[in-house]
């Protein structure tokens, strides 16, 4: 399935949380905290507002966006205002 965000929206592929601690303990999915970083995979067409490009690694607000599953991969569709940093 192909999805293209509209206007000032950005689609981000979520990073996987670590499922194992440094000490070797496994953390179940239900106990893991939602990640706040991901990689931009698509951007909307509002070039005046959007400051990121496909491939950028970004950090976003904790409760931002709409989570969608595309081809069994978790993505988040966010407004550009919800992206708080580009990670270099």
PDB file of N, CA and C in Angstrom:
ATOM      1  N   UNK A   1       0.844  -1.169   0.000  1.00  0.00           N
ATOM      2  CA  UNK A   1       0.000   0.000   0.000  1.00  0.00           C
ATOM      3  C   UNK A   1       0.896   1.241   0.000  1.00  0.00           C
ATOM      4  N   UNK A   2       0.518   2.248  -0.768  1.00  0.00           N
ATOM      5  CA  UNK A   2       1.278   3.485  -0.836  1.00  0.00           C
ATOM      6  C   UNK A   2       0.456   4.604  -0.204  1.00  0.00           C
ATOM      7  N   UNK A   3       1.092   5.361   0.705  1.00  0.00           N
ATOM      8  CA  UNK A   3       0.414   6.447   1.413  1.00  0.00           C
ATOM      9  C   UNK A   3       1.221   7.717   1.226  1.00  0.00           C
ATOM     10  N   UNK A   4       0.564   8.820   0.850  1.00  0.00           N
ATOM     11  CA  UNK A   4       1.228  10.119   0.706  1.00  0.00           C
ATOM     12  C   UNK A   4       0.543  11.107   1.630  1.00  0.00           C
ATOM     13  N   UNK A   5       1.283  11.666   2.596  1.00  0.00           N
ATOM     14  CA  UNK A   5       0.693  12.663   3.498  1.00  0.00           C
ATOM     15  C   UNK A   5       0.312  13.924   2.724  1.00  0.00           C
ATOM     16  N   UNK A   6      -0.684  14.637   3.223  1.00  0.00           N
ATOM     17  CA  UNK A   6      -1.136  15.868   2.587  1.00  0.00           C
ATOM     18  C   UNK A   6      -0.717  17.089   3.386  1.00  0.00           C
ATOM     19  N   UNK A   7      -0.683  18.230   2.717  1.00  0.00           N
ATOM     20  CA  UNK A   7      -0.422  19.543   3.318  1.00  0.00           C
ATOM     21  C   UNK A   7       0.854  19.542   4.172  1.00  0.00           C
ATOM     22  N   UNK A   8       0.710  19.854   5.479  1.00  0.00           N
ATOM     23  CA  UNK A   8       1.882  19.982   6.359  1.00  0.00           C
ATOM     24  C   UNK A   8       2.143  18.714   7.159  1.00  0.00           C
ATOM     25  N   UNK A   9       1.704  17.571   6.656  1.00  0.00           N
ATOM     26  CA  UNK A   9       1.874  16.312   7.365  1.00  0.00           C
ATOM     27  C   UNK A   9       3.130  15.578   6.893  1.00  0.00           C
ATOM     28  N   UNK A  10       3.699  14.780   7.791  1.00  0.00           N
ATOM     29  CA  UNK A  10       4.913  14.015   7.526  1.00  0.00           C
ATOM     30  C   UNK A  10       4.685  12.591   8.002  1.00  0.00           C
ATOM     31  N   UNK A  11       5.089  11.593   7.214  1.00  0.00           N
ATOM     32  CA  UNK A  11       4.977  10.202   7.645  1.00  0.00           C
ATOM     33  C   UNK A  11       6.349   9.716   8.099  1.00  0.00           C
ATOM     34  N   UNK A  12       6.386   9.161   9.314  1.00  0.00           N
ATOM     35  CA  UNK A  12       7.628   8.730   9.952  1.00  0.00           C
ATOM     36  C   UNK A  12       7.542   7.239  10.250  1.00  0.00           C
ATOM     37  N   UNK A  13       8.595   6.502   9.884  1.00  0.00           N
ATOM     38  CA  UNK A  13       8.695   5.083  10.235  1.00  0.00           C
ATOM     39  C   UNK A  13       9.247   5.020  11.654  1.00  0.00           C
ATOM     40  N   UNK A  14       8.518   4.370  12.548  1.00  0.00           N
ATOM     41  CA  UNK A  14       8.906   4.316  13.948  1.00  0.00           C
ATOM     42  C   UNK A  14      10.114   3.411  14.159  1.00  0.00           C
ATOM     43  N   UNK A  15      10.957   3.803  15.108  1.00  0.00           N
ATOM     44  CA  UNK A  15      12.080   2.959  15.494  1.00  0.00           C
ATOM     45  C   UNK A  15      11.600   1.925  16.485  1.00  0.00           C
ATOM     46  N   UNK A  16      12.192   0.771  16.434  1.00  0.00           N
ATOM     47  CA  UNK A  16      11.856  -0.292  17.380  1.00  0.00           C
ATOM     48  C   UNK A  16      12.454   0.030  18.738  1.00  0.00           C
ATOM     49  N   UNK A  17      11.711  -0.247  19.793  1.00  0.00           N
ATOM     50  CA  UNK A  17      12.220  -0.100  21.156  1.00  0.00           C
ATOM     51  C   UNK A  17      13.141  -1.266  21.464  1.00  0.00           C
ATOM     52  N   UNK A  18      14.081  -1.033  22.333  1.00  0.00           N
ATOM     53  CA  UNK A  18      14.950  -2.118  22.779  1.00  0.00           C
ATOM     54  C   UNK A  18      14.106  -3.104  23.576  1.00  0.00           C
ATOM     55  N   UNK A  19      14.190  -4.372  23.230  1.00  0.00           N
ATOM     56  CA  UNK A  19      13.392  -5.369  23.934  1.00  0.00           C
ATOM     57  C   UNK A  19      14.214  -6.111  24.989  1.00  0.00           C
ATOM     58  N   UNK A  20      15.474  -5.695  25.144  1.00  0.00           N
ATOM     59  CA  UNK A  20      16.361  -6.368  26.090  1.00  0.00           C
ATOM     60  C   UNK A  20      17.179  -5.301  26.821  1.00  0.00           C
ATOM     61  N   UNK A  21      17.293  -5.419  28.119  1.00  0.00           N
ATOM     62  CA  UNK A  21      18.074  -4.471  28.903  1.00  0.00           C
ATOM     63  C   UNK A  21      19.559  -4.777  28.780  1.00  0.00           C
ATOM     64  N   UNK A  22      20.391  -3.864  29.262  1.00  0.00           N
ATOM     65  CA  UNK A  22      21.837  -4.072  29.240  1.00  0.00           C
ATOM     66  C   UNK A  22      22.224  -5.299  30.067  1.00  0.00           C
ATOM     67  N   UNK A  23      21.423  -5.601  31.086  1.00  0.00           N
ATOM     68  CA  UNK A  23      21.690  -6.766  31.935  1.00  0.00           C
ATOM     69  C   UNK A  23      21.184  -8.073  31.363  1.00  0.00           C
ATOM     70  N   UNK A  24      20.508  -8.022  30.199  1.00  0.00           N
ATOM     71  CA  UNK A  24      20.052  -9.240  29.544  1.00  0.00           C
ATOM     72  C   UNK A  24      18.601  -9.603  29.792  1.00  0.00           C
ATOM     73  N   UNK A  25      17.845  -8.762  30.531  1.00  0.00           N
ATOM     74  CA  UNK A  25      16.428  -9.048  30.777  1.00  0.00           C
ATOM     75  C   UNK A  25      15.590  -8.627  29.574  1.00  0.00           C
ATOM     76  N   UNK A  26      14.590  -9.432  29.215  1.00  0.00           N
ATOM     77  CA  UNK A  26      13.697  -9.098  28.123  1.00  0.00           C
ATOM     78  C   UNK A  26      12.525  -8.281  28.646  1.00  0.00           C
ATOM     79  N   UNK A  27      12.174  -7.227  27.899  1.00  0.00           N
ATOM     80  CA  UNK A  27      11.065  -6.352  28.269  1.00  0.00           C
ATOM     81  C   UNK A  27       9.897  -6.670  27.342  1.00  0.00           C
ATOM     82  N   UNK A  28       8.729  -7.047  27.873  1.00  0.00           N
ATOM     83  CA  UNK A  28       7.585  -7.337  27.005  1.00  0.00           C
ATOM     84  C   UNK A  28       7.087  -6.070  26.313  1.00  0.00           C
ATOM     85  N   UNK A  29       6.459  -6.233  25.138  1.00  0.00           N
ATOM     86  CA  UNK A  29       5.945  -5.097  24.372  1.00  0.00           C
ATOM     87  C   UNK A  29       5.020  -4.214  25.191  1.00  0.00           C
ATOM     88  N   UNK A  30       4.220  -4.814  26.051  1.00  0.00           N
ATOM     89  CA  UNK A  30       3.259  -4.044  26.850  1.00  0.00           C
ATOM     90  C   UNK A  30       3.929  -3.147  27.875  1.00  0.00           C
ATOM     91  N   UNK A  31       5.160  -3.432  28.246  1.00  0.00           N
ATOM     92  CA  UNK A  31       5.868  -2.629  29.247  1.00  0.00           C
ATOM     93  C   UNK A  31       6.826  -1.615  28.623  1.00  0.00           C
ATOM     94  N   UNK A  32       7.000  -1.679  27.305  1.00  0.00           N
ATOM     95  CA  UNK A  32       7.921  -0.767  26.643  1.00  0.00           C
ATOM     96  C   UNK A  32       7.272   0.589  26.419  1.00  0.00           C
ATOM     97  N   UNK A  33       8.065   1.639  26.600  1.00  0.00           N
ATOM     98  CA  UNK A  33       7.572   2.986  26.351  1.00  0.00           C
ATOM     99  C   UNK A  33       7.655   3.275  24.857  1.00  0.00           C
ATOM    100  N   UNK A  34       6.673   4.008  24.349  1.00  0.00           N
ATOM    101  CA  UNK A  34       6.631   4.366  22.945  1.00  0.00           C
ATOM    102  C   UNK A  34       7.856   5.212  22.586  1.00  0.00           C
ATOM    103  N   UNK A  35       8.518   4.878  21.463  1.00  0.00           N
ATOM    104  CA  UNK A  35       9.680   5.662  21.043  1.00  0.00           C
ATOM    105  C   UNK A  35       9.233   7.027  20.556  1.00  0.00           C
ATOM    106  N   UNK A  36      10.136   7.966  20.584  1.00  0.00           N
ATOM    107  CA  UNK A  36       9.831   9.317  20.117  1.00  0.00           C
ATOM    108  C   UNK A  36      10.760   9.726  18.991  1.00  0.00           C
ATOM    109  N   UNK A  37      11.358   8.745  18.316  1.00  0.00           N
ATOM    110  CA  UNK A  37      12.203   9.020  17.170  1.00  0.00           C
ATOM    111  C   UNK A  37      11.821   8.100  16.027  1.00  0.00           C
ATOM    112  N   UNK A  38      12.135   8.547  14.826  1.00  0.00           N
ATOM    113  CA  UNK A  38      11.853   7.748  13.651  1.00  0.00           C
ATOM    114  C   UNK A  38      12.488   8.370  12.427  1.00  0.00           C
ATOM    115  N   UNK A  39      12.282   7.731  11.288  1.00  0.00           N
ATOM    116  CA  UNK A  39      12.846   8.187  10.025  1.00  0.00           C
ATOM    117  C   UNK A  39      11.731   8.643   9.107  1.00  0.00           C
ATOM    118  N   UNK A  40      11.884   9.827   8.532  1.00  0.00           N
ATOM    119  CA  UNK A  40      10.886  10.374   7.610  1.00  0.00           C
ATOM    120  C   UNK A  40      10.883   9.536   6.338  1.00  0.00           C
ATOM    121  N   UNK A  41       9.691   9.077   5.935  1.00  0.00           N
ATOM    122  CA  UNK A  41       9.581   8.290   4.704  1.00  0.00           C
ATOM    123  C   UNK A  41       8.791   9.015   3.617  1.00  0.00           C
ATOM    124  N   UNK A  42       7.963   9.992   4.005  1.00  0.00           N
ATOM    125  CA  UNK A  42       7.198  10.765   3.027  1.00  0.00           C
ATOM    126  C   UNK A  42       6.789  12.091   3.643  1.00  0.00           C
ATOM    127  N   UNK A  43       6.675  13.115   2.799  1.00  0.00           N
ATOM    128  CA  UNK A  43       6.267  14.441   3.272  1.00  0.00           C
ATOM    129  C   UNK A  43       5.121  14.960   2.427  1.00  0.00           C
ATOM    130  N   UNK A  44       4.331  15.865   3.021  1.00  0.00           N
ATOM    131  CA  UNK A  44       3.228  16.496   2.313  1.00  0.00           C
ATOM    132  C   UNK A  44       3.741  17.499   1.292  1.00  0.00           C
ATOM    133  N   UNK A  45       2.804  18.232   0.664  1.00  0.00           N
ATOM    134  CA  UNK A  45       3.184  19.130  -0.415  1.00  0.00           C
ATOM    135  C   UNK A  45       3.271  20.605  -0.011  1.00  0.00           C
ATOM    136  N   UNK A  46       3.167  20.918   1.280  1.00  0.00           N
ATOM    137  CA  UNK A  46       3.263  22.304   1.750  1.00  0.00           C
ATOM    138  C   UNK A  46       4.742  22.643   1.986  1.00  0.00           C
ATOM    139  N   UNK A  47       5.432  23.045   0.931  1.00  0.00           N
ATOM    140  CA  UNK A  47       6.885  23.276   0.979  1.00  0.00           C
ATOM    141  C   UNK A  47       7.271  24.456   1.867  1.00  0.00           C
ATOM    142  N   UNK A  48       6.351  25.389   2.126  1.00  0.00           N
ATOM    143  CA  UNK A  48       6.661  26.538   2.986  1.00  0.00           C
ATOM    144  C   UNK A  48       6.763  26.136   4.448  1.00  0.00           C
ATOM    145  N   UNK A  49       6.028  25.117   4.852  1.00  0.00           N
ATOM    146  CA  UNK A  49       5.972  24.707   6.258  1.00  0.00           C
ATOM    147  C   UNK A  49       6.915  23.540   6.553  1.00  0.00           C
ATOM    148  N   UNK A  50       7.046  22.605   5.636  1.00  0.00           N
ATOM    149  CA  UNK A  50       7.817  21.388   5.883  1.00  0.00           C
ATOM    150  C   UNK A  50       9.312  21.662   5.781  1.00  0.00           C
ATOM    151  N   UNK A  51      10.032  21.358   6.852  1.00  0.00           N
ATOM    152  CA  UNK A  51      11.470  21.620   6.947  1.00  0.00           C
ATOM    153  C   UNK A  51      12.302  20.339   6.979  1.00  0.00           C
ATOM    154  N   UNK A  52      11.677  19.181   6.769  1.00  0.00           N
ATOM    155  CA  UNK A  52      12.396  17.903   6.765  1.00  0.00           C
ATOM    156  C   UNK A  52      12.248  17.253   5.398  1.00  0.00           C
ATOM    157  N   UNK A  53      13.105  16.272   5.142  1.00  0.00           N
ATOM    158  CA  UNK A  53      13.023  15.545   3.871  1.00  0.00           C
ATOM    159  C   UNK A  53      13.069  14.045   4.142  1.00  0.00           C
ATOM    160  N   UNK A  54      12.702  13.294   3.167  1.00  0.00           N
ATOM    161  CA  UNK A  54      12.718  11.845   3.293  1.00  0.00           C
ATOM    162  C   UNK A  54      14.124  11.380   3.659  1.00  0.00           C
ATOM    163  N   UNK A  55      14.214  10.493   4.661  1.00  0.00           N
ATOM    164  CA  UNK A  55      15.494   9.983   5.118  1.00  0.00           C
ATOM    165  C   UNK A  55      16.007  10.652   6.379  1.00  0.00           C
ATOM    166  N   UNK A  56      15.456  11.830   6.740  1.00  0.00           N
ATOM    167  CA  UNK A  56      15.871  12.506   7.971  1.00  0.00           C
ATOM    168  C   UNK A  56      15.416  11.717   9.187  1.00  0.00           C
ATOM    169  N   UNK A  57      16.278  11.630  10.204  1.00  0.00           N
ATOM    170  CA  UNK A  57      15.904  11.024  11.478  1.00  0.00           C
ATOM    171  C   UNK A  57      15.410  12.162  12.367  1.00  0.00           C
ATOM    172  N   UNK A  58      14.197  12.009  12.917  1.00  0.00           N
ATOM    173  CA  UNK A  58      13.585  13.095  13.672  1.00  0.00           C
ATOM    174  C   UNK A  58      13.110  12.642  15.049  1.00  0.00           C
ATOM    175  N   UNK A  59      12.910  13.629  15.914  1.00  0.00           N
ATOM    176  CA  UNK A  59      12.326  13.431  17.235  1.00  0.00           C
ATOM    177  C   UNK A  59      11.010  14.204  17.238  1.00  0.00           C
ATOM    178  N   UNK A  60       9.967  13.614  17.841  1.00  0.00           N
ATOM    179  CA  UNK A  60       8.652  14.245  17.816  1.00  0.00           C
ATOM    180  C   UNK A  60       8.019  14.203  19.201  1.00  0.00           C
ATOM    181  N   UNK A  61       6.955  15.011  19.375  1.00  0.00           N
ATOM    182  CA  UNK A  61       6.233  15.064  20.643  1.00  0.00           C
ATOM    183  C   UNK A  61       5.696  13.687  21.008  1.00  0.00           C
ATOM    184  N   UNK A  62       5.645  13.406  22.292  1.00  0.00           N
ATOM    185  CA  UNK A  62       5.290  12.079  22.800  1.00  0.00           C
ATOM    186  C   UNK A  62       3.907  11.583  22.369  1.00  0.00           C
ATOM    187  N   UNK A  63       2.907  12.431  22.416  1.00  0.00           N
ATOM    188  CA  UNK A  63       1.540  11.987  22.118  1.00  0.00           C
ATOM    189  C   UNK A  63       1.045  12.499  20.768  1.00  0.00           C
ATOM    190  N   UNK A  64       1.935  12.797  19.863  1.00  0.00           N
ATOM    191  CA  UNK A  64       1.574  13.393  18.578  1.00  0.00           C
ATOM    192  C   UNK A  64       1.213  12.337  17.540  1.00  0.00           C
ATOM    193  N   UNK A  65       0.435  12.756  16.566  1.00  0.00           N
ATOM    194  CA  UNK A  65       0.213  11.981  15.360  1.00  0.00           C
ATOM    195  C   UNK A  65      -0.796  10.857  15.441  1.00  0.00           C
ATOM    196  N   UNK A  66      -0.946  10.221  14.292  1.00  0.00           N
ATOM    197  CA  UNK A  66      -1.846   9.086  14.122  1.00  0.00           C
ATOM    198  C   UNK A  66      -1.020   7.891  13.684  1.00  0.00           C
ATOM    199  N   UNK A  67      -1.108   6.815  14.442  1.00  0.00           N
ATOM    200  CA  UNK A  67      -0.326   5.622  14.136  1.00  0.00           C
ATOM    201  C   UNK A  67      -1.053   4.786  13.094  1.00  0.00           C
ATOM    202  N   UNK A  68      -0.303   4.344  12.067  1.00  0.00           N
ATOM    203  CA  UNK A  68      -0.847   3.485  11.013  1.00  0.00           C
ATOM    204  C   UNK A  68       0.134   2.346  10.750  1.00  0.00           C
ATOM    205  N   UNK A  69      -0.404   1.210  10.334  1.00  0.00           N
ATOM    206  CA  UNK A  69       0.433   0.059   9.992  1.00  0.00           C
ATOM    207  C   UNK A  69       0.342  -0.127   8.484  1.00  0.00           C
ATOM    208  N   UNK A  70       1.497  -0.046   7.815  1.00  0.00           N
ATOM    209  CA  UNK A  70       1.563  -0.190   6.368  1.00  0.00           C
ATOM    210  C   UNK A  70       2.498  -1.346   6.058  1.00  0.00           C
ATOM    211  N   UNK A  71       1.971  -2.373   5.411  1.00  0.00           N
ATOM    212  CA  UNK A  71       2.745  -3.581   5.090  1.00  0.00           C
ATOM    213  C   UNK A  71       3.440  -4.135   6.333  1.00  0.00           C
ATOM    214  N   UNK A  72       2.702  -4.219   7.441  1.00  0.00           N
ATOM    215  CA  UNK A  72       3.178  -4.755   8.722  1.00  0.00           C
ATOM    216  C   UNK A  72       4.304  -3.939   9.361  1.00  0.00           C
ATOM    217  N   UNK A  73       4.461  -2.674   8.965  1.00  0.00           N
ATOM    218  CA  UNK A  73       5.463  -1.784   9.556  1.00  0.00           C
ATOM    219  C   UNK A  73       4.728  -0.592  10.175  1.00  0.00           C
ATOM    220  N   UNK A  74       5.069  -0.273  11.437  1.00  0.00           N
ATOM    221  CA  UNK A  74       4.419   0.838  12.141  1.00  0.00           C
ATOM    222  C   UNK A  74       4.955   2.182  11.652  1.00  0.00           C
ATOM    223  N   UNK A  75       4.013   3.094  11.324  1.00  0.00           N
ATOM    224  CA  UNK A  75       4.337   4.451  10.911  1.00  0.00           C
ATOM    225  C   UNK A  75       3.492   5.421  11.732  1.00  0.00           C
ATOM    226  N   UNK A  76       3.897   6.674  11.714  1.00  0.00           N
ATOM    227  CA  UNK A  76       3.168   7.728  12.394  1.00  0.00           C
ATOM    228  C   UNK A  76       3.009   8.875  11.407  1.00  0.00           C
ATOM    229  N   UNK A  77       1.786   9.400  11.277  1.00  0.00           N
ATOM    230  CA  UNK A  77       1.557  10.577  10.443  1.00  0.00           C
ATOM    231  C   UNK A  77       1.399  11.760  11.389  1.00  0.00           C
ATOM    232  N   UNK A  78       2.305  12.736  11.263  1.00  0.00           N
ATOM    233  CA  UNK A  78       2.365  13.873  12.174  1.00  0.00           C
ATOM    234  C   UNK A  78       2.227  15.185  11.419  1.00  0.00           C
ATOM    235  N   UNK A  79       1.844  16.220  12.139  1.00  0.00           N
ATOM    236  CA  UNK A  79       1.925  17.575  11.602  1.00  0.00           C
ATOM    237  C   UNK A  79       3.372  18.018  11.762  1.00  0.00           C
ATOM    238  N   UNK A  80       3.833  18.869  10.868  1.00  0.00           N
ATOM    239  CA  UNK A  80       5.209  19.356  10.941  1.00  0.00           C
ATOM    240  C   UNK A  80       5.472  20.014  12.295  1.00  0.00           C
ATOM    241  N   UNK A  81       4.501  20.679  12.869  1.00  0.00           N
ATOM    242  CA  UNK A  81       4.667  21.354  14.161  1.00  0.00           C
ATOM    243  C   UNK A  81       4.966  20.379  15.292  1.00  0.00           C
ATOM    244  N   UNK A  82       4.614  19.096  15.135  1.00  0.00           N
ATOM    245  CA  UNK A  82       4.864  18.092  16.169  1.00  0.00           C
ATOM    246  C   UNK A  82       6.293  17.549  16.130  1.00  0.00           C
ATOM    247  N   UNK A  83       7.026  17.839  15.062  1.00  0.00           N
ATOM    248  CA  UNK A  83       8.427  17.412  14.975  1.00  0.00           C
ATOM    249  C   UNK A  83       9.251  18.461  15.708  1.00  0.00           C
ATOM    250  N   UNK A  84      10.024  18.006  16.708  1.00  0.00           N
ATOM    251  CA  UNK A  84      10.746  18.970  17.542  1.00  0.00           C
ATOM    252  C   UNK A  84      12.238  19.036  17.228  1.00  0.00           C
ATOM    253  N   UNK A  85      12.791  18.073  16.496  1.00  0.00           N
ATOM    254  CA  UNK A  85      14.222  18.123  16.176  1.00  0.00           C
ATOM    255  C   UNK A  85      14.568  17.165  15.050  1.00  0.00           C
ATOM    256  N   UNK A  86      15.623  17.512  14.330  1.00  0.00           N
ATOM    257  CA  UNK A  86      16.239  16.600  13.369  1.00  0.00           C
ATOM    258  C   UNK A  86      17.491  16.072  14.050  1.00  0.00           C
ATOM    259  N   UNK A  87      17.664  14.748  14.053  1.00  0.00           N
ATOM    260  CA  UNK A  87      18.810  14.121  14.701  1.00  0.00           C
ATOM    261  C   UNK A  87      19.897  13.902  13.662  1.00  0.00           C
ATOM    262  N   UNK A  88      21.066  14.447  13.924  1.00  0.00           N
ATOM    263  CA  UNK A  88      22.183  14.308  12.967  1.00  0.00           C
ATOM    264  C   UNK A  88      23.212  13.335  13.471  1.00  0.00           C
TER     265      UNK A  88
END
